[in-house]
PDB file of all heavy atoms in Angstrom:
ATOM      1  N   PRO A   1      -5.294 -19.684  10.028  1.00  0.00           N
ATOM      2  CA  PRO A   1      -5.555 -18.525   9.172  1.00  0.00           C
ATOM      3  C   PRO A   1      -6.660 -17.584   9.808  1.00  0.00           C
ATOM      4  O   PRO A   1      -7.362 -17.921  10.666  1.00  0.00           O
ATOM      5  CB  PRO A   1      -6.137 -19.159   7.887  1.00  0.00           C
ATOM      6  CG  PRO A   1      -6.684 -20.480   8.241  1.00  0.00           C
ATOM      7  CD  PRO A   1      -5.784 -20.981   9.378  1.00  0.00           C
ATOM      8  N   GLN A   2      -6.494 -16.332   9.295  1.00  0.00           N
ATOM      9  CA  GLN A   2      -7.412 -15.250   9.579  1.00  0.00           C
ATOM     10  C   GLN A   2      -7.913 -14.739   8.239  1.00  0.00           C
ATOM     11  O   GLN A   2      -7.171 -14.310   7.416  1.00  0.00           O
ATOM     12  CB  GLN A   2      -6.752 -14.183  10.468  1.00  0.00           C
ATOM     13  CG  GLN A   2      -6.296 -14.748  11.791  1.00  0.00           C
ATOM     14  CD  GLN A   2      -5.565 -13.735  12.684  1.00  0.00           C
ATOM     15  OE1 GLN A   2      -5.558 -12.576  12.414  1.00  0.00           O
ATOM     16  NE2 GLN A   2      -4.932 -14.263  13.698  1.00  0.00           N
ATOM     17  N   ALA A   3      -9.198 -14.798   7.993  1.00  0.00           N
ATOM     18  CA  ALA A   3      -9.743 -14.530   6.680  1.00  0.00           C
ATOM     19  C   ALA A   3     -10.623 -13.253   6.708  1.00  0.00           C
ATOM     20  O   ALA A   3     -11.300 -12.978   7.639  1.00  0.00           O
ATOM     21  CB  ALA A   3     -10.673 -15.720   6.255  1.00  0.00           C
ATOM     22  N   PHE A   4     -10.471 -12.527   5.531  1.00  0.00           N
ATOM     23  CA  PHE A   4     -11.154 -11.204   5.343  1.00  0.00           C
ATOM     24  C   PHE A   4     -11.455 -11.057   3.824  1.00  0.00           C
ATOM     25  O   PHE A   4     -10.788 -11.679   2.979  1.00  0.00           O
ATOM     26  CB  PHE A   4     -10.296 -10.075   5.762  1.00  0.00           C
ATOM     27  CG  PHE A   4      -9.696 -10.158   7.163  1.00  0.00           C
ATOM     28  CD1 PHE A   4      -8.496 -10.862   7.384  1.00  0.00           C
ATOM     29  CD2 PHE A   4     -10.331  -9.644   8.230  1.00  0.00           C
ATOM     30  CE1 PHE A   4      -7.963 -11.082   8.650  1.00  0.00           C
ATOM     31  CE2 PHE A   4      -9.783  -9.747   9.565  1.00  0.00           C
ATOM     32  CZ  PHE A   4      -8.629 -10.489   9.757  1.00  0.00           C
ATOM     33  N   HIS A   5     -12.418 -10.215   3.533  1.00  0.00           N
ATOM     34  CA  HIS A   5     -12.621  -9.830   2.127  1.00  0.00           C
ATOM     35  C   HIS A   5     -11.444  -8.872   1.813  1.00  0.00           C
ATOM     36  O   HIS A   5     -11.052  -8.015   2.672  1.00  0.00           O
ATOM     37  CB  HIS A   5     -13.920  -9.077   1.943  1.00  0.00           C
ATOM     38  CG  HIS A   5     -15.100 -10.013   2.155  1.00  0.00           C
ATOM     39  ND1 HIS A   5     -15.388 -11.031   1.216  1.00  0.00           N
ATOM     40  CD2 HIS A   5     -16.056 -10.098   3.113  1.00  0.00           C
ATOM     41  CE1 HIS A   5     -16.520 -11.690   1.615  1.00  0.00           C
ATOM     42  NE2 HIS A   5     -16.874 -11.164   2.772  1.00  0.00           N
ATOM     43  N   ILE A   6     -10.831  -9.041   0.649  1.00  0.00           N
ATOM     44  CA  ILE A   6      -9.627  -8.246   0.342  1.00  0.00           C
ATOM     45  C   ILE A   6      -9.895  -6.734   0.431  1.00  0.00           C
ATOM     46  O   ILE A   6      -9.065  -6.000   1.019  1.00  0.00           O
ATOM     47  CB  ILE A   6      -9.126  -8.666  -1.088  1.00  0.00           C
ATOM     48  CG1 ILE A   6      -8.585 -10.069  -1.098  1.00  0.00           C
ATOM     49  CG2 ILE A   6      -8.021  -7.631  -1.515  1.00  0.00           C
ATOM     50  CD1 ILE A   6      -8.174 -10.457  -2.551  1.00  0.00           C
ATOM     51  N   GLY A   7     -10.965  -6.301  -0.060  1.00  0.00           N
ATOM     52  CA  GLY A   7     -11.298  -4.886  -0.041  1.00  0.00           C
ATOM     53  C   GLY A   7     -11.401  -4.330   1.341  1.00  0.00           C
ATOM     54  O   GLY A   7     -10.868  -3.260   1.690  1.00  0.00           O
ATOM     55  N   ASP A   8     -12.014  -5.068   2.242  1.00  0.00           N
ATOM     56  CA  ASP A   8     -12.154  -4.655   3.646  1.00  0.00           C
ATOM     57  C   ASP A   8     -10.803  -4.617   4.327  1.00  0.00           C
ATOM     58  O   ASP A   8     -10.530  -3.657   5.057  1.00  0.00           O
ATOM     59  CB  ASP A   8     -13.065  -5.663   4.454  1.00  0.00           C
ATOM     60  CG  ASP A   8     -14.526  -5.702   4.009  1.00  0.00           C
ATOM     61  OD1 ASP A   8     -14.902  -4.741   3.267  1.00  0.00           O
ATOM     62  OD2 ASP A   8     -15.209  -6.583   4.272  1.00  0.00           O
ATOM     63  N   LEU A   9      -9.952  -5.598   4.124  1.00  0.00           N
ATOM     64  CA  LEU A   9      -8.708  -5.623   4.768  1.00  0.00           C
ATOM     65  C   LEU A   9      -7.700  -4.539   4.241  1.00  0.00           C
ATOM     66  O   LEU A   9      -6.985  -3.942   4.966  1.00  0.00           O
ATOM     67  CB  LEU A   9      -8.043  -7.007   4.586  1.00  0.00           C
ATOM     68  CG  LEU A   9      -6.818  -7.278   5.492  1.00  0.00           C
ATOM     69  CD1 LEU A   9      -7.131  -7.098   6.962  1.00  0.00           C
ATOM     70  CD2 LEU A   9      -6.291  -8.696   5.218  1.00  0.00           C
ATOM     71  N   ALA A  10      -7.773  -4.241   2.906  1.00  0.00           N
ATOM     72  CA  ALA A  10      -6.916  -3.154   2.403  1.00  0.00           C
ATOM     73  C   ALA A  10      -7.396  -1.837   2.972  1.00  0.00           C
ATOM     74  O   ALA A  10      -6.527  -1.044   3.369  1.00  0.00           O
ATOM     75  CB  ALA A  10      -7.067  -3.187   0.856  1.00  0.00           C
ATOM     76  N   ASP A  11      -8.689  -1.655   3.080  1.00  0.00           N
ATOM     77  CA  ASP A  11      -9.213  -0.400   3.691  1.00  0.00           C
ATOM     78  C   ASP A  11      -8.760  -0.234   5.141  1.00  0.00           C
ATOM     79  O   ASP A  11      -8.372   0.804   5.620  1.00  0.00           O
ATOM     80  CB  ASP A  11     -10.716  -0.316   3.577  1.00  0.00           C
ATOM     81  CG  ASP A  11     -11.141  -0.108   2.138  1.00  0.00           C
ATOM     82  OD1 ASP A  11     -10.356   0.377   1.368  1.00  0.00           O
ATOM     83  OD2 ASP A  11     -12.378  -0.320   1.836  1.00  0.00           O
ATOM     84  N   LEU A  12      -8.863  -1.476   5.858  1.00  0.00           N
ATOM     85  CA  LEU A  12      -8.393  -1.416   7.278  1.00  0.00           C
ATOM     86  C   LEU A  12      -6.930  -0.979   7.447  1.00  0.00           C
ATOM     87  O   LEU A  12      -6.600  -0.169   8.304  1.00  0.00           O
ATOM     88  CB  LEU A  12      -8.563  -2.884   7.837  1.00  0.00           C
ATOM     89  CG  LEU A  12      -8.215  -3.058   9.371  1.00  0.00           C
ATOM     90  CD1 LEU A  12      -9.384  -2.518  10.252  1.00  0.00           C
ATOM     91  CD2 LEU A  12      -7.891  -4.511   9.621  1.00  0.00           C
ATOM     92  N   HIS A  13      -6.090  -1.521   6.574  1.00  0.00           N
ATOM     93  CA  HIS A  13      -4.621  -1.155   6.666  1.00  0.00           C
ATOM     94  C   HIS A  13      -4.421   0.280   6.311  1.00  0.00           C
ATOM     95  O   HIS A  13      -3.558   0.922   6.871  1.00  0.00           O
ATOM     96  CB  HIS A  13      -3.849  -2.097   5.760  1.00  0.00           C
ATOM     97  CG  HIS A  13      -3.464  -3.451   6.388  1.00  0.00           C
ATOM     98  ND1 HIS A  13      -2.403  -3.570   7.202  1.00  0.00           N
ATOM     99  CD2 HIS A  13      -4.072  -4.623   6.330  1.00  0.00           C
ATOM    100  CE1 HIS A  13      -2.383  -4.795   7.700  1.00  0.00           C
ATOM    101  NE2 HIS A  13      -3.311  -5.426   7.108  1.00  0.00           N
ATOM    102  N   ARG A  14      -5.176   0.794   5.337  1.00  0.00           N
ATOM    103  CA  ARG A  14      -5.040   2.266   4.945  1.00  0.00           C
ATOM    104  C   ARG A  14      -5.440   3.149   6.239  1.00  0.00           C
ATOM    105  O   ARG A  14      -4.770   4.060   6.547  1.00  0.00           O
ATOM    106  CB  ARG A  14      -5.900   2.551   3.727  1.00  0.00           C
ATOM    107  CG  ARG A  14      -5.227   2.140   2.461  1.00  0.00           C
ATOM    108  CD  ARG A  14      -5.945   2.722   1.214  1.00  0.00           C
ATOM    109  NE  ARG A  14      -7.032   1.844   0.854  1.00  0.00           N
ATOM    110  CZ  ARG A  14      -6.865   0.817   0.014  1.00  0.00           C
ATOM    111  NH1 ARG A  14      -5.717   0.536  -0.577  1.00  0.00           N
ATOM    112  NH2 ARG A  14      -7.898   0.031  -0.335  1.00  0.00           N
ATOM    113  N   ARG A  15      -6.562   2.727   6.806  1.00  0.00           N
ATOM    114  CA  ARG A  15      -7.075   3.499   8.002  1.00  0.00           C
ATOM    115  C   ARG A  15      -6.030   3.419   9.161  1.00  0.00           C
ATOM    116  O   ARG A  15      -5.849   4.324   9.890  1.00  0.00           O
ATOM    117  CB  ARG A  15      -8.416   2.989   8.426  1.00  0.00           C
ATOM    118  CG  ARG A  15      -9.529   3.458   7.507  1.00  0.00           C
ATOM    119  CD  ARG A  15     -10.937   3.158   8.098  1.00  0.00           C
ATOM    120  NE  ARG A  15     -11.270   1.756   8.084  1.00  0.00           N
ATOM    121  CZ  ARG A  15     -11.635   1.104   9.262  1.00  0.00           C
ATOM    122  NH1 ARG A  15     -11.595   1.758  10.411  1.00  0.00           N
ATOM    123  NH2 ARG A  15     -11.978  -0.120   9.231  1.00  0.00           N
ATOM    124  N   ALA A  16      -5.444   2.134   9.296  1.00  0.00           N
ATOM    125  CA  ALA A  16      -4.522   2.033  10.367  1.00  0.00           C
ATOM    126  C   ALA A  16      -3.233   2.920  10.170  1.00  0.00           C
ATOM    127  O   ALA A  16      -2.727   3.461  11.102  1.00  0.00           O
ATOM    128  CB  ALA A  16      -4.060   0.536  10.455  1.00  0.00           C
ATOM    129  N   LEU A  17      -2.785   3.022   8.929  1.00  0.00           N
ATOM    130  CA  LEU A  17      -1.649   3.856   8.582  1.00  0.00           C
ATOM    131  C   LEU A  17      -1.959   5.347   8.933  1.00  0.00           C
ATOM    132  O   LEU A  17      -1.110   6.077   9.504  1.00  0.00           O
ATOM    133  CB  LEU A  17      -1.274   3.760   7.119  1.00  0.00           C
ATOM    134  CG  LEU A  17      -0.465   2.535   6.739  1.00  0.00           C
ATOM    135  CD1 LEU A  17      -0.291   2.447   5.220  1.00  0.00           C
ATOM    136  CD2 LEU A  17       0.907   2.493   7.390  1.00  0.00           C
ATOM    137  N   GLU A  18      -3.224   5.778   8.621  1.00  0.00           N
ATOM    138  CA  GLU A  18      -3.644   7.116   8.875  1.00  0.00           C
ATOM    139  C   GLU A  18      -3.708   7.350  10.367  1.00  0.00           C
ATOM    140  O   GLU A  18      -3.415   8.464  10.850  1.00  0.00           O
ATOM    141  CB  GLU A  18      -4.999   7.408   8.309  1.00  0.00           C
ATOM    142  CG  GLU A  18      -5.011   7.450   6.754  1.00  0.00           C
ATOM    143  CD  GLU A  18      -6.377   7.566   6.196  1.00  0.00           C
ATOM    144  OE1 GLU A  18      -7.306   7.688   6.931  1.00  0.00           O
ATOM    145  OE2 GLU A  18      -6.497   7.460   4.940  1.00  0.00           O
ATOM    146  N   ALA A  19      -4.067   6.319  11.167  1.00  0.00           N
ATOM    147  CA  ALA A  19      -4.160   6.445  12.635  1.00  0.00           C
ATOM    148  C   ALA A  19      -2.790   6.190  13.292  1.00  0.00           C
ATOM    149  O   ALA A  19      -2.702   6.387  14.573  1.00  0.00           O
ATOM    150  CB  ALA A  19      -5.206   5.455  13.135  1.00  0.00           C
ATOM    151  N   GLY A  20      -1.744   5.947  12.538  1.00  0.00           N
ATOM    152  CA  GLY A  20      -0.431   5.734  13.168  1.00  0.00           C
ATOM    153  C   GLY A  20      -0.229   4.432  13.752  1.00  0.00           C
ATOM    154  O   GLY A  20       0.729   4.226  14.615  1.00  0.00           O
ATOM    155  N   ILE A  21      -1.074   3.415  13.446  1.00  0.00           N
ATOM    156  CA  ILE A  21      -0.925   2.049  14.067  1.00  0.00           C
ATOM    157  C   ILE A  21      -0.100   1.227  13.046  1.00  0.00           C
ATOM    158  O   ILE A  21      -0.613   0.918  11.943  1.00  0.00           O
ATOM    159  CB  ILE A  21      -2.320   1.398  14.326  1.00  0.00           C
ATOM    160  CG1 ILE A  21      -3.119   2.216  15.320  1.00  0.00           C
ATOM    161  CG2 ILE A  21      -2.116  -0.053  14.756  1.00  0.00           C
ATOM    162  CD1 ILE A  21      -4.538   1.711  15.492  1.00  0.00           C
ATOM    163  N   THR A  22       1.128   0.864  13.413  1.00  0.00           N
ATOM    164  CA  THR A  22       2.105   0.251  12.467  1.00  0.00           C
ATOM    165  C   THR A  22       2.662  -1.062  12.961  1.00  0.00           C
ATOM    166  O   THR A  22       3.459  -1.701  12.260  1.00  0.00           O
ATOM    167  CB  THR A  22       3.206   1.245  12.036  1.00  0.00           C
ATOM    168  OG1 THR A  22       3.914   1.604  13.313  1.00  0.00           O
ATOM    169  CG2 THR A  22       2.682   2.428  11.381  1.00  0.00           C
ATOM    170  N   ASN A  23       2.380  -1.481  14.256  1.00  0.00           N
ATOM    171  CA  ASN A  23       3.035  -2.637  14.706  1.00  0.00           C
ATOM    172  C   ASN A  23       2.028  -3.497  15.552  1.00  0.00           C
ATOM    173  O   ASN A  23       2.379  -4.013  16.630  1.00  0.00           O
ATOM    174  CB  ASN A  23       4.221  -2.227  15.592  1.00  0.00           C
ATOM    175  CG  ASN A  23       5.162  -3.395  15.877  1.00  0.00           C
ATOM    176  OD1 ASN A  23       5.097  -4.423  15.120  1.00  0.00           O
ATOM    177  ND2 ASN A  23       5.965  -3.320  16.891  1.00  0.00           N
ATOM    178  N   SER A  24       0.800  -3.678  14.959  1.00  0.00           N
ATOM    179  CA  SER A  24      -0.131  -4.607  15.633  1.00  0.00           C
ATOM    180  C   SER A  24       0.380  -6.022  15.371  1.00  0.00           C
ATOM    181  O   SER A  24       0.911  -6.306  14.362  1.00  0.00           O
ATOM    182  CB  SER A  24      -1.524  -4.410  15.071  1.00  0.00           C
ATOM    183  OG  SER A  24      -2.469  -5.056  15.841  1.00  0.00           O
ATOM    184  N   VAL A  25       0.191  -6.903  16.417  1.00  0.00           N
ATOM    185  CA  VAL A  25       0.808  -8.244  16.294  1.00  0.00           C
ATOM    186  C   VAL A  25       0.136  -9.192  15.325  1.00  0.00           C
ATOM    187  O   VAL A  25       0.711 -10.176  14.923  1.00  0.00           O
ATOM    188  CB  VAL A  25       0.886  -8.880  17.725  1.00  0.00           C
ATOM    189  CG1 VAL A  25       1.815  -8.094  18.596  1.00  0.00           C
ATOM    190  CG2 VAL A  25      -0.451  -9.124  18.333  1.00  0.00           C
ATOM    191  N   ALA A  26      -1.123  -8.902  14.940  1.00  0.00           N
ATOM    192  CA  ALA A  26      -1.866  -9.845  14.049  1.00  0.00           C
ATOM    193  C   ALA A  26      -3.016  -9.121  13.429  1.00  0.00           C
ATOM    194  O   ALA A  26      -3.404  -7.940  13.861  1.00  0.00           O
ATOM    195  CB  ALA A  26      -2.432 -11.008  14.835  1.00  0.00           C
ATOM    196  N   SER A  27      -3.587  -9.660  12.385  1.00  0.00           N
ATOM    197  CA  SER A  27      -4.694  -9.006  11.708  1.00  0.00           C
ATOM    198  C   SER A  27      -5.935  -8.909  12.652  1.00  0.00           C
ATOM    199  O   SER A  27      -6.630  -7.906  12.625  1.00  0.00           O
ATOM    200  CB  SER A  27      -5.124  -9.817  10.445  1.00  0.00           C
ATOM    201  OG  SER A  27      -4.005  -9.848   9.535  1.00  0.00           O
ATOM    202  N   CYS A  28      -6.101  -9.892  13.444  1.00  0.00           N
ATOM    203  CA  CYS A  28      -7.245  -9.832  14.383  1.00  0.00           C
ATOM    204  C   CYS A  28      -7.072  -8.758  15.426  1.00  0.00           C
ATOM    205  O   CYS A  28      -8.045  -8.031  15.748  1.00  0.00           O
ATOM    206  CB  CYS A  28      -7.444 -11.197  15.059  1.00  0.00           C
ATOM    207  SG  CYS A  28      -6.049 -11.822  16.027  1.00  0.00           S
TER     208      CYS A  28
END
């Protein structure tokens, strides 16, 4: 597993979408 606080990870995914990053191979 790879563990995160839910709020931090949700924000990370929102920022990634804004940056156009859509196919990273893992959360890390």
